[in-house]
């Protein structure tokens, strides 16, 4: 079967992070992936490089000690930038999405950057498989769907252990704050930092949350 990056019109983005510039293939127009019958769960938000992914990748580059030598899971990987950066920084990386095409793009983008050993995990948060805890869990712009918050909370409990960290980046959506408040109520410690991120000439404020399990 033809790989997803060859089935759609794409554009190659060049993302400078620290001393490295990463190549990321993205779908040129998200409408190319839509039909009149596309269900809401299948809208391909994964096909876009979001500011939050760049902001989280910048944070990783500034805090390499959180990544190097650690078992890392990226939830909702989309085009895979955060997982790719984590692998480049020395993490042992698993990338997760529930869309097969997203994982194909993530692995394709990893290969473009000379990285071929990311482990794909095709799974829906609502039916997530049992896995060993990870040292670091990443997620960029994955908090926009309120109805998935309970499932994501369960996944984060399942994939973390004592000493694990979770890093979630979001473009200041109110629904994201709702999620973090619920996590705090459940005993998680939450810290955050803010940054301004530029992608394709557009700037956006991004917040990176750091969560510690109870």
N, C-alpha and C. Protein backbone atom coordinates (compact mmCIF):
# COMPACT_ATOMS: atom_id res chain seq x y z
N UNK A 1 0.85 -1.20 0.00
CA UNK A 1 0.00 0.00 0.00
C UNK A 1 0.88 1.25 0.00
N UNK A 2 0.50 2.25 -0.78
CA UNK A 2 1.27 3.49 -0.85
C UNK A 2 1.26 4.19 0.50
N UNK A 3 2.43 4.61 1.02
CA UNK A 3 2.47 5.31 2.32
C UNK A 3 1.64 6.59 2.28
N UNK A 4 1.06 6.92 3.42
CA UNK A 4 0.20 8.10 3.51
C UNK A 4 0.86 9.37 3.00
N UNK A 5 2.15 9.63 3.28
CA UNK A 5 2.75 10.87 2.78
C UNK A 5 2.82 10.97 1.26
N UNK A 6 2.62 9.84 0.57
CA UNK A 6 2.61 9.86 -0.89
C UNK A 6 1.19 9.86 -1.45
N UNK A 7 0.21 9.74 -0.58
CA UNK A 7 -1.19 9.71 -1.06
C UNK A 7 -1.83 11.09 -1.10
N UNK A 8 -1.22 12.06 -0.41
CA UNK A 8 -1.81 13.39 -0.31
C UNK A 8 -0.81 14.44 -0.77
N UNK A 9 -1.30 15.59 -1.28
CA UNK A 9 -0.39 16.71 -1.56
C UNK A 9 0.24 17.20 -0.25
N UNK A 10 1.55 17.28 -0.20
CA UNK A 10 2.23 17.65 1.04
C UNK A 10 3.13 18.86 0.83
N UNK A 11 3.54 19.44 1.93
CA UNK A 11 4.57 20.46 1.93
C UNK A 11 5.60 20.09 2.98
N UNK A 12 6.85 20.45 2.74
CA UNK A 12 7.92 20.17 3.69
C UNK A 12 8.25 21.43 4.46
N UNK A 13 8.14 21.32 5.78
CA UNK A 13 8.44 22.44 6.65
C UNK A 13 9.82 22.23 7.27
N UNK A 14 10.52 23.32 7.49
CA UNK A 14 11.84 23.26 8.13
C UNK A 14 11.75 23.99 9.46
N UNK A 15 11.93 23.22 10.55
CA UNK A 15 11.71 23.74 11.89
C UNK A 15 13.05 23.80 12.63
N UNK A 16 13.61 25.01 12.83
CA UNK A 16 14.88 25.12 13.56
C UNK A 16 14.65 24.98 15.06
N UNK A 17 15.37 24.07 15.67
CA UNK A 17 15.29 23.85 17.11
C UNK A 17 16.70 23.65 17.64
N UNK A 18 17.17 24.62 18.43
CA UNK A 18 18.53 24.55 18.91
C UNK A 18 19.49 24.59 17.74
N UNK A 19 20.45 23.66 17.71
CA UNK A 19 21.43 23.63 16.64
C UNK A 19 21.00 22.75 15.48
N UNK A 20 19.78 22.25 15.51
CA UNK A 20 19.29 21.33 14.49
C UNK A 20 18.05 21.91 13.80
N UNK A 21 17.93 21.66 12.50
CA UNK A 21 16.71 21.99 11.77
C UNK A 21 16.04 20.69 11.35
N UNK A 22 14.79 20.52 11.74
CA UNK A 22 14.06 19.29 11.47
C UNK A 22 13.17 19.48 10.25
N UNK A 23 13.10 18.44 9.43
CA UNK A 23 12.22 18.42 8.26
C UNK A 23 10.93 17.70 8.63
N UNK A 24 9.81 18.34 8.34
CA UNK A 24 8.50 17.75 8.65
C UNK A 24 7.60 17.87 7.43
N UNK A 25 7.14 16.74 6.92
CA UNK A 25 6.15 16.74 5.84
C UNK A 25 4.76 16.83 6.45
N UNK A 26 3.97 17.76 5.96
CA UNK A 26 2.60 17.96 6.44
C UNK A 26 1.67 17.99 5.23
N UNK A 27 0.40 17.68 5.45
CA UNK A 27 -0.58 17.78 4.38
C UNK A 27 -0.76 19.25 4.02
N UNK A 28 -0.71 19.55 2.73
CA UNK A 28 -0.76 20.95 2.28
C UNK A 28 -2.10 21.60 2.63
N UNK A 29 -3.17 20.84 2.47
CA UNK A 29 -4.50 21.38 2.76
C UNK A 29 -5.32 20.29 3.42
N UNK A 30 -5.79 20.55 4.62
CA UNK A 30 -6.52 19.53 5.37
C UNK A 30 -7.79 19.11 4.65
N UNK A 31 -8.34 19.99 3.80
CA UNK A 31 -9.56 19.66 3.05
C UNK A 31 -9.34 18.47 2.11
N UNK A 32 -8.09 18.24 1.73
CA UNK A 32 -7.79 17.10 0.85
C UNK A 32 -8.10 15.77 1.51
N UNK A 33 -8.23 15.76 2.84
CA UNK A 33 -8.46 14.52 3.58
C UNK A 33 -9.92 14.37 4.01
N UNK A 34 -10.74 15.36 3.69
CA UNK A 34 -12.13 15.35 4.13
C UNK A 34 -13.07 14.91 3.01
N UNK A 35 -14.15 14.27 3.39
CA UNK A 35 -15.25 13.97 2.47
C UNK A 35 -16.55 14.44 3.13
N UNK A 36 -17.63 14.37 2.38
CA UNK A 36 -18.92 14.78 2.93
C UNK A 36 -19.37 13.88 4.07
N UNK A 37 -18.79 12.69 4.16
CA UNK A 37 -19.22 11.73 5.18
C UNK A 37 -18.18 11.52 6.28
N UNK A 38 -17.14 12.38 6.32
CA UNK A 38 -16.11 12.22 7.35
C UNK A 38 -16.73 12.43 8.74
N UNK A 39 -16.70 11.40 9.61
CA UNK A 39 -17.26 11.56 10.96
C UNK A 39 -16.38 12.48 11.80
N UNK A 40 -16.96 13.10 12.84
CA UNK A 40 -16.19 14.03 13.67
C UNK A 40 -14.91 13.42 14.24
N UNK A 41 -14.95 12.14 14.62
CA UNK A 41 -13.77 11.50 15.20
C UNK A 41 -12.64 11.34 14.20
N UNK A 42 -12.94 11.45 12.91
CA UNK A 42 -11.93 11.20 11.89
C UNK A 42 -11.44 12.47 11.20
N UNK A 43 -11.85 13.66 11.69
CA UNK A 43 -11.32 14.90 11.12
C UNK A 43 -9.81 14.91 11.35
N UNK A 44 -9.02 15.07 10.29
CA UNK A 44 -7.57 14.84 10.39
C UNK A 44 -6.80 16.03 10.96
N UNK A 45 -7.06 16.34 12.22
CA UNK A 45 -6.30 17.40 12.87
C UNK A 45 -4.82 17.04 12.95
N UNK A 46 -4.52 15.74 12.88
CA UNK A 46 -3.14 15.28 12.95
C UNK A 46 -2.28 15.78 11.80
N UNK A 47 -2.90 16.18 10.69
CA UNK A 47 -2.17 16.47 9.46
C UNK A 47 -1.53 17.85 9.45
N UNK A 48 -1.75 18.64 10.50
CA UNK A 48 -1.25 20.01 10.59
C UNK A 48 -0.15 20.08 11.65
N UNK A 49 0.87 20.88 11.40
CA UNK A 49 1.89 21.13 12.43
C UNK A 49 1.43 22.29 13.29
N UNK A 50 1.01 21.98 14.51
CA UNK A 50 0.46 22.99 15.40
C UNK A 50 1.56 23.70 16.18
N UNK A 51 1.27 24.95 16.55
CA UNK A 51 2.23 25.73 17.32
C UNK A 51 2.62 25.02 18.62
N UNK A 52 1.67 24.34 19.23
CA UNK A 52 1.95 23.67 20.50
C UNK A 52 3.03 22.61 20.34
N UNK A 53 3.06 21.93 19.20
CA UNK A 53 4.08 20.90 18.98
C UNK A 53 5.47 21.53 18.90
N UNK A 54 5.56 22.68 18.24
CA UNK A 54 6.84 23.37 18.16
C UNK A 54 7.25 23.89 19.54
N UNK A 55 6.29 24.46 20.27
CA UNK A 55 6.60 24.96 21.60
C UNK A 55 7.07 23.86 22.55
N UNK A 56 6.42 22.70 22.50
CA UNK A 56 6.83 21.58 23.35
C UNK A 56 8.20 21.07 22.93
N UNK A 57 8.47 21.04 21.63
CA UNK A 57 9.78 20.60 21.13
C UNK A 57 10.87 21.56 21.59
N UNK A 58 10.59 22.85 21.57
CA UNK A 58 11.55 23.82 22.08
C UNK A 58 11.84 23.56 23.56
N UNK A 59 10.80 23.30 24.32
CA UNK A 59 10.96 23.01 25.75
C UNK A 59 11.85 21.79 25.96
N UNK A 60 11.63 20.74 25.16
CA UNK A 60 12.46 19.54 25.28
C UNK A 60 13.92 19.85 25.01
N UNK A 61 14.18 20.65 23.99
CA UNK A 61 15.57 20.99 23.66
C UNK A 61 16.24 21.78 24.78
N UNK A 62 15.45 22.54 25.51
CA UNK A 62 15.98 23.34 26.62
C UNK A 62 16.12 22.53 27.90
N UNK A 63 15.53 21.34 27.94
CA UNK A 63 15.56 20.50 29.15
C UNK A 63 15.91 19.07 28.75
N UNK A 64 17.06 18.90 28.13
CA UNK A 64 17.46 17.61 27.58
C UNK A 64 17.54 16.52 28.65
N UNK A 65 17.84 16.92 29.87
CA UNK A 65 17.97 15.92 30.94
C UNK A 65 16.67 15.19 31.21
N UNK A 66 15.53 15.78 30.81
CA UNK A 66 14.24 15.12 30.99
C UNK A 66 14.03 14.00 29.99
N UNK A 67 14.85 13.98 28.92
CA UNK A 67 14.61 13.09 27.78
C UNK A 67 15.69 12.03 27.62
N UNK A 68 16.95 12.44 27.72
CA UNK A 68 18.07 11.56 27.37
C UNK A 68 18.06 10.28 28.21
N UNK A 69 18.03 9.14 27.53
CA UNK A 69 18.06 7.86 28.21
C UNK A 69 16.73 7.42 28.80
N UNK A 70 15.68 8.20 28.61
CA UNK A 70 14.38 7.92 29.22
C UNK A 70 13.45 7.22 28.23
N UNK A 71 12.52 6.43 28.79
CA UNK A 71 11.45 5.84 27.98
C UNK A 71 10.38 6.91 27.80
N UNK A 72 10.09 7.24 26.55
CA UNK A 72 9.21 8.37 26.24
C UNK A 72 8.02 7.89 25.42
N UNK A 73 6.85 8.38 25.76
CA UNK A 73 5.63 8.12 25.00
C UNK A 73 5.04 9.44 24.55
N UNK A 74 4.80 9.59 23.24
CA UNK A 74 4.06 10.76 22.76
C UNK A 74 2.64 10.34 22.41
N UNK A 75 1.67 10.92 23.09
CA UNK A 75 0.26 10.66 22.83
C UNK A 75 -0.24 11.60 21.75
N UNK A 76 -1.06 11.07 20.84
CA UNK A 76 -1.60 11.91 19.77
C UNK A 76 -0.49 12.54 18.94
N UNK A 77 0.42 11.71 18.46
CA UNK A 77 1.65 12.22 17.86
C UNK A 77 1.44 13.04 16.60
N UNK A 78 0.37 12.77 15.82
CA UNK A 78 0.17 13.53 14.60
C UNK A 78 1.32 13.37 13.64
N UNK A 79 1.97 14.49 13.28
CA UNK A 79 3.09 14.45 12.34
C UNK A 79 4.38 13.99 13.01
N UNK A 80 4.39 13.90 14.34
CA UNK A 80 5.50 13.25 15.02
C UNK A 80 6.63 14.14 15.50
N UNK A 81 6.50 15.47 15.39
CA UNK A 81 7.64 16.33 15.69
C UNK A 81 8.18 16.12 17.10
N UNK A 82 7.32 16.11 18.10
CA UNK A 82 7.81 16.00 19.48
C UNK A 82 8.51 14.67 19.73
N UNK A 83 7.95 13.59 19.20
CA UNK A 83 8.59 12.30 19.35
C UNK A 83 9.93 12.24 18.63
N UNK A 84 10.00 12.87 17.47
CA UNK A 84 11.25 12.90 16.71
C UNK A 84 12.32 13.66 17.48
N UNK A 85 11.94 14.82 18.02
CA UNK A 85 12.89 15.61 18.80
C UNK A 85 13.33 14.84 20.04
N UNK A 86 12.39 14.17 20.70
CA UNK A 86 12.74 13.38 21.88
C UNK A 86 13.73 12.27 21.53
N UNK A 87 13.54 11.64 20.39
CA UNK A 87 14.49 10.59 19.98
C UNK A 87 15.85 11.20 19.66
N UNK A 88 15.88 12.33 18.97
CA UNK A 88 17.13 13.01 18.66
C UNK A 88 17.88 13.40 19.93
N UNK A 89 17.13 13.69 21.00
CA UNK A 89 17.74 14.06 22.27
C UNK A 89 18.15 12.85 23.11
N UNK A 90 17.94 11.65 22.59
CA UNK A 90 18.42 10.46 23.26
C UNK A 90 17.38 9.65 23.99
N UNK A 91 16.10 9.95 23.78
CA UNK A 91 15.05 9.16 24.40
C UNK A 91 14.74 7.90 23.60
N UNK A 92 14.15 6.93 24.28
CA UNK A 92 13.67 5.71 23.63
C UNK A 92 12.17 5.89 23.44
N UNK A 93 11.76 6.16 22.21
CA UNK A 93 10.47 6.80 21.96
C UNK A 93 9.44 5.86 21.34
N UNK A 94 8.23 5.91 21.91
CA UNK A 94 7.04 5.30 21.32
C UNK A 94 6.09 6.42 20.94
N UNK A 95 5.57 6.38 19.72
CA UNK A 95 4.63 7.40 19.26
C UNK A 95 3.25 6.76 19.10
N UNK A 96 2.25 7.42 19.65
CA UNK A 96 0.88 6.89 19.63
C UNK A 96 -0.06 7.80 18.86
N UNK A 97 -0.93 7.18 18.09
CA UNK A 97 -2.08 7.87 17.51
C UNK A 97 -3.13 6.80 17.22
N UNK A 98 -4.38 7.24 17.02
CA UNK A 98 -5.42 6.27 16.67
C UNK A 98 -5.68 6.28 15.17
N UNK A 99 -5.00 7.18 14.45
CA UNK A 99 -5.13 7.26 13.00
C UNK A 99 -3.91 6.61 12.36
N UNK A 100 -4.09 5.53 11.60
CA UNK A 100 -2.94 4.90 10.94
C UNK A 100 -2.14 5.87 10.07
N UNK A 101 -2.83 6.77 9.37
CA UNK A 101 -2.11 7.71 8.50
C UNK A 101 -1.20 8.63 9.30
N UNK A 102 -1.64 9.00 10.50
CA UNK A 102 -0.80 9.85 11.35
C UNK A 102 0.49 9.13 11.71
N UNK A 103 0.40 7.87 12.09
CA UNK A 103 1.61 7.13 12.42
C UNK A 103 2.51 6.95 11.20
N UNK A 104 1.92 6.79 10.03
CA UNK A 104 2.73 6.68 8.82
C UNK A 104 3.50 7.98 8.58
N UNK A 105 2.83 9.11 8.78
CA UNK A 105 3.51 10.40 8.63
C UNK A 105 4.61 10.56 9.68
N UNK A 106 4.32 10.19 10.93
CA UNK A 106 5.30 10.34 11.99
C UNK A 106 6.56 9.53 11.70
N UNK A 107 6.39 8.29 11.27
CA UNK A 107 7.56 7.46 10.97
C UNK A 107 8.28 7.95 9.72
N UNK A 108 7.53 8.42 8.75
CA UNK A 108 8.12 9.00 7.53
C UNK A 108 8.97 10.22 7.89
N UNK A 109 8.42 11.10 8.75
CA UNK A 109 9.15 12.29 9.16
C UNK A 109 10.38 11.94 9.98
N UNK A 110 10.25 10.92 10.82
CA UNK A 110 11.42 10.48 11.58
C UNK A 110 12.53 10.04 10.63
N UNK A 111 12.18 9.25 9.61
CA UNK A 111 13.18 8.77 8.65
C UNK A 111 13.82 9.93 7.90
N UNK A 112 13.03 10.98 7.59
CA UNK A 112 13.59 12.15 6.91
C UNK A 112 14.68 12.81 7.74
N UNK A 113 14.60 12.62 9.06
CA UNK A 113 15.58 13.22 9.96
C UNK A 113 16.61 12.21 10.46
N UNK A 114 16.70 11.07 9.74
CA UNK A 114 17.72 10.08 10.04
C UNK A 114 17.40 9.21 11.24
N UNK A 115 16.14 9.15 11.64
CA UNK A 115 15.73 8.38 12.82
C UNK A 115 14.73 7.31 12.39
N UNK A 116 15.09 6.05 12.59
CA UNK A 116 14.26 4.96 12.08
C UNK A 116 13.82 3.98 13.16
N UNK A 117 14.02 4.34 14.42
CA UNK A 117 13.71 3.37 15.47
C UNK A 117 12.63 3.84 16.43
N UNK A 118 11.77 4.77 16.01
CA UNK A 118 10.60 5.10 16.82
C UNK A 118 9.64 3.92 16.78
N UNK A 119 9.02 3.62 17.90
CA UNK A 119 8.07 2.51 17.98
C UNK A 119 6.64 3.04 17.85
N UNK A 120 5.88 2.58 16.85
CA UNK A 120 4.50 3.05 16.69
C UNK A 120 3.55 2.28 17.60
N UNK A 121 2.56 2.99 18.13
CA UNK A 121 1.52 2.37 18.94
C UNK A 121 0.17 2.89 18.45
N UNK A 122 -0.51 2.08 17.64
CA UNK A 122 -1.83 2.43 17.12
C UNK A 122 -2.86 2.09 18.19
N UNK A 123 -3.45 3.12 18.81
CA UNK A 123 -4.40 2.87 19.90
C UNK A 123 -5.25 4.09 20.14
N UNK A 124 -6.51 3.83 20.46
CA UNK A 124 -7.48 4.85 20.86
C UNK A 124 -7.42 4.98 22.38
N UNK A 125 -7.43 6.21 22.89
CA UNK A 125 -7.37 6.40 24.34
C UNK A 125 -8.53 5.72 25.05
N UNK A 126 -9.65 5.56 24.35
CA UNK A 126 -10.83 4.95 24.98
C UNK A 126 -10.69 3.43 25.11
N UNK A 127 -9.69 2.86 24.41
CA UNK A 127 -9.42 1.41 24.48
C UNK A 127 -7.92 1.21 24.47
N UNK A 128 -7.24 1.84 25.42
CA UNK A 128 -5.78 1.86 25.41
C UNK A 128 -5.23 0.55 25.98
N UNK A 129 -4.23 -0.02 25.33
CA UNK A 129 -3.68 -1.30 25.82
C UNK A 129 -2.85 -1.10 27.08
N UNK A 130 -2.62 -2.19 27.79
CA UNK A 130 -1.75 -2.14 28.95
C UNK A 130 -0.31 -2.05 28.49
N UNK A 131 0.44 -1.12 29.08
CA UNK A 131 1.85 -0.94 28.75
C UNK A 131 2.62 -0.70 30.04
N UNK A 132 3.93 -0.90 29.98
CA UNK A 132 4.77 -0.57 31.12
C UNK A 132 4.83 0.94 31.27
N UNK A 133 4.96 1.44 32.49
CA UNK A 133 5.03 2.90 32.69
C UNK A 133 6.21 3.52 31.94
N UNK A 134 6.01 4.75 31.50
CA UNK A 134 7.05 5.52 30.81
C UNK A 134 7.62 6.55 31.77
N UNK A 135 8.87 6.94 31.52
CA UNK A 135 9.49 7.99 32.32
C UNK A 135 8.93 9.36 31.98
N UNK A 136 8.64 9.56 30.69
CA UNK A 136 8.18 10.86 30.21
C UNK A 136 7.06 10.64 29.20
N UNK A 137 5.97 11.38 29.39
CA UNK A 137 4.83 11.30 28.48
C UNK A 137 4.60 12.69 27.89
N UNK A 138 4.44 12.78 26.58
CA UNK A 138 4.29 14.04 25.88
C UNK A 138 2.94 14.12 25.18
N UNK A 139 2.44 15.34 25.05
CA UNK A 139 1.22 15.56 24.28
C UNK A 139 1.13 17.01 23.86
N UNK A 140 1.01 17.28 22.57
CA UNK A 140 0.93 18.64 22.05
C UNK A 140 -0.45 18.88 21.44
N UNK A 141 -1.17 19.83 22.00
CA UNK A 141 -2.50 20.22 21.50
C UNK A 141 -3.44 19.01 21.45
N UNK A 142 -3.55 18.30 22.57
CA UNK A 142 -4.42 17.12 22.62
C UNK A 142 -5.57 17.29 23.62
N UNK A 143 -5.76 18.50 24.13
CA UNK A 143 -6.76 18.71 25.18
C UNK A 143 -8.02 19.42 24.68
N UNK A 144 -8.15 19.58 23.37
CA UNK A 144 -9.24 20.39 22.82
C UNK A 144 -10.60 19.72 22.89
N UNK A 145 -10.65 18.40 23.06
CA UNK A 145 -11.92 17.66 23.04
C UNK A 145 -12.32 17.28 24.45
N UNK A 146 -13.24 18.02 25.02
CA UNK A 146 -13.63 17.83 26.42
C UNK A 146 -14.13 16.41 26.69
N UNK A 147 -14.85 15.83 25.75
CA UNK A 147 -15.45 14.52 25.99
C UNK A 147 -14.40 13.41 26.09
N UNK A 148 -13.16 13.69 25.64
CA UNK A 148 -12.10 12.70 25.75
C UNK A 148 -11.27 12.85 27.02
N UNK A 149 -11.55 13.88 27.80
CA UNK A 149 -10.74 14.12 29.01
C UNK A 149 -10.75 12.93 29.97
N UNK A 150 -11.90 12.33 30.27
CA UNK A 150 -11.87 11.19 31.20
C UNK A 150 -11.00 10.05 30.68
N UNK A 151 -11.07 9.77 29.38
CA UNK A 151 -10.23 8.70 28.82
C UNK A 151 -8.76 9.05 28.91
N UNK A 152 -8.42 10.30 28.62
CA UNK A 152 -7.02 10.72 28.69
C UNK A 152 -6.51 10.67 30.13
N UNK A 153 -7.34 11.05 31.08
CA UNK A 153 -6.94 10.94 32.48
C UNK A 153 -6.59 9.50 32.84
N UNK A 154 -7.42 8.57 32.39
CA UNK A 154 -7.16 7.15 32.67
C UNK A 154 -5.87 6.68 32.00
N UNK A 155 -5.64 7.14 30.77
CA UNK A 155 -4.43 6.75 30.07
C UNK A 155 -3.20 7.27 30.82
N UNK A 156 -3.24 8.52 31.27
CA UNK A 156 -2.09 9.09 31.97
C UNK A 156 -1.82 8.35 33.28
N UNK A 157 -2.87 7.93 33.96
CA UNK A 157 -2.67 7.13 35.17
C UNK A 157 -2.01 5.80 34.83
N UNK A 158 -2.41 5.24 33.71
CA UNK A 158 -1.94 3.91 33.32
C UNK A 158 -0.49 3.92 32.85
N UNK A 159 -0.07 4.97 32.15
CA UNK A 159 1.24 4.96 31.50
C UNK A 159 2.32 5.65 32.33
N UNK A 160 1.98 6.12 33.53
CA UNK A 160 2.97 6.76 34.39
C UNK A 160 3.17 5.95 35.67
N UNK A 161 4.28 6.20 36.32
CA UNK A 161 4.59 5.57 37.60
C UNK A 161 5.31 6.55 38.48
N UNK A 162 5.85 6.07 39.58
CA UNK A 162 6.60 6.92 40.49
C UNK A 162 7.78 7.55 39.77
N UNK A 163 7.85 8.88 39.83
CA UNK A 163 8.96 9.58 39.18
C UNK A 163 8.70 9.97 37.74
N UNK A 164 7.57 9.55 37.16
CA UNK A 164 7.26 9.92 35.78
C UNK A 164 6.89 11.41 35.70
N UNK A 165 7.05 11.96 34.53
CA UNK A 165 6.60 13.33 34.24
C UNK A 165 5.73 13.30 33.00
N UNK A 166 4.79 14.24 32.96
CA UNK A 166 3.95 14.43 31.78
C UNK A 166 4.10 15.88 31.33
N UNK A 167 4.37 16.09 30.06
CA UNK A 167 4.46 17.44 29.49
C UNK A 167 3.38 17.59 28.43
N UNK A 168 2.49 18.55 28.65
CA UNK A 168 1.39 18.82 27.72
C UNK A 168 1.46 20.28 27.28
N UNK A 169 1.41 20.52 25.98
CA UNK A 169 1.45 21.88 25.46
C UNK A 169 0.11 22.23 24.83
N UNK A 170 -0.33 23.47 25.05
CA UNK A 170 -1.65 23.88 24.56
C UNK A 170 -1.64 25.38 24.26
N UNK A 171 -2.42 25.81 23.24
CA UNK A 171 -2.47 27.23 22.89
C UNK A 171 -3.50 28.00 23.71
N UNK A 172 -3.43 27.84 25.03
CA UNK A 172 -4.26 28.63 25.95
C UNK A 172 -5.76 28.42 25.76
N UNK A 173 -6.18 27.21 25.48
CA UNK A 173 -7.61 26.95 25.41
C UNK A 173 -8.20 26.81 26.81
N UNK A 174 -9.39 27.34 26.98
CA UNK A 174 -10.06 27.24 28.28
C UNK A 174 -10.29 25.78 28.66
N UNK A 175 -10.61 24.95 27.67
CA UNK A 175 -10.88 23.54 27.95
C UNK A 175 -9.63 22.83 28.48
N UNK A 176 -8.46 23.31 28.10
CA UNK A 176 -7.22 22.72 28.62
C UNK A 176 -7.07 23.00 30.11
N UNK A 177 -7.41 24.22 30.51
CA UNK A 177 -7.34 24.55 31.93
C UNK A 177 -8.31 23.70 32.73
N UNK A 178 -9.47 23.42 32.15
CA UNK A 178 -10.44 22.56 32.83
C UNK A 178 -9.81 21.19 33.10
N UNK A 179 -9.11 20.66 32.11
CA UNK A 179 -8.46 19.36 32.28
C UNK A 179 -7.43 19.41 33.40
N UNK A 180 -6.61 20.44 33.42
CA UNK A 180 -5.56 20.52 34.42
C UNK A 180 -6.13 20.70 35.82
N UNK A 181 -7.23 21.43 35.94
CA UNK A 181 -7.89 21.56 37.25
C UNK A 181 -8.35 20.19 37.74
N UNK A 182 -8.91 19.38 36.85
CA UNK A 182 -9.35 18.04 37.23
C UNK A 182 -8.16 17.17 37.65
N UNK A 183 -7.04 17.33 36.96
CA UNK A 183 -5.85 16.56 37.33
C UNK A 183 -5.36 16.96 38.72
N UNK A 184 -5.38 18.25 39.01
CA UNK A 184 -4.97 18.71 40.34
C UNK A 184 -5.91 18.16 41.42
N UNK A 185 -7.19 18.15 41.12
CA UNK A 185 -8.16 17.60 42.08
C UNK A 185 -7.90 16.12 42.34
N UNK A 186 -7.31 15.47 41.35
CA UNK A 186 -7.02 14.04 41.47
C UNK A 186 -5.66 13.78 42.11
N UNK A 187 -5.01 14.85 42.56
CA UNK A 187 -3.76 14.69 43.29
C UNK A 187 -2.49 14.95 42.51
N UNK A 188 -2.60 15.29 41.22
CA UNK A 188 -1.42 15.57 40.41
C UNK A 188 -0.91 16.98 40.71
N UNK A 189 0.42 17.15 40.70
CA UNK A 189 1.01 18.49 40.81
C UNK A 189 1.22 19.03 39.41
N UNK A 190 0.83 20.28 39.21
CA UNK A 190 0.88 20.88 37.89
C UNK A 190 1.67 22.19 37.94
N UNK A 191 2.71 22.30 37.14
CA UNK A 191 3.45 23.56 36.93
C UNK A 191 3.31 23.94 35.46
N UNK A 192 3.61 25.19 35.14
CA UNK A 192 3.52 25.58 33.73
C UNK A 192 4.44 26.74 33.42
N UNK A 193 4.81 26.83 32.14
CA UNK A 193 5.58 27.96 31.61
C UNK A 193 4.91 28.40 30.32
N UNK A 194 5.14 29.66 29.96
CA UNK A 194 4.56 30.22 28.75
C UNK A 194 5.65 30.55 27.76
N UNK A 195 5.29 30.53 26.47
CA UNK A 195 6.23 30.93 25.44
C UNK A 195 5.45 31.36 24.20
N UNK A 196 6.10 32.18 23.37
CA UNK A 196 5.53 32.58 22.09
C UNK A 196 6.21 31.78 20.99
N UNK A 197 5.40 31.18 20.13
CA UNK A 197 5.91 30.27 19.10
C UNK A 197 5.53 30.79 17.73
N UNK A 198 6.47 30.71 16.79
CA UNK A 198 6.22 31.13 15.41
C UNK A 198 6.27 29.91 14.49
N UNK A 199 5.24 29.74 13.68
CA UNK A 199 5.19 28.68 12.67
C UNK A 199 4.65 29.27 11.38
N UNK A 200 5.40 29.13 10.31
CA UNK A 200 4.98 29.63 8.99
C UNK A 200 4.57 31.10 9.05
N UNK A 201 5.32 31.87 9.80
CA UNK A 201 5.08 33.30 9.87
C UNK A 201 3.96 33.74 10.79
N UNK A 202 3.31 32.80 11.46
CA UNK A 202 2.25 33.15 12.41
C UNK A 202 2.74 32.88 13.83
N UNK A 203 2.38 33.76 14.76
CA UNK A 203 2.82 33.64 16.14
C UNK A 203 1.64 33.29 17.04
N UNK A 204 1.91 32.50 18.04
CA UNK A 204 0.85 32.08 18.97
C UNK A 204 1.45 31.85 20.35
N UNK A 205 0.68 32.22 21.37
CA UNK A 205 1.10 31.95 22.74
C UNK A 205 0.80 30.49 23.06
N UNK A 206 1.79 29.81 23.61
CA UNK A 206 1.67 28.40 23.97
C UNK A 206 2.06 28.24 25.42
N UNK A 207 1.34 27.39 26.11
CA UNK A 207 1.68 27.08 27.50
C UNK A 207 2.08 25.62 27.59
N UNK A 208 3.16 25.35 28.31
CA UNK A 208 3.64 23.98 28.52
C UNK A 208 3.38 23.62 29.98
N UNK A 209 2.56 22.61 30.19
CA UNK A 209 2.24 22.12 31.52
C UNK A 209 3.14 20.95 31.86
N UNK A 210 3.66 20.95 33.08
CA UNK A 210 4.43 19.82 33.59
C UNK A 210 3.65 19.19 34.73
N UNK A 211 3.28 17.91 34.57
CA UNK A 211 2.46 17.21 35.54
C UNK A 211 3.27 16.11 36.22
N UNK A 212 3.06 15.98 37.52
CA UNK A 212 3.69 14.92 38.31
C UNK A 212 2.59 14.08 38.96
N UNK A 213 2.65 12.76 38.80
CA UNK A 213 1.61 11.90 39.36
C UNK A 213 1.60 11.97 40.89
N UNK A 214 0.45 11.69 41.49
CA UNK A 214 0.36 11.68 42.95
C UNK A 214 1.17 10.53 43.56
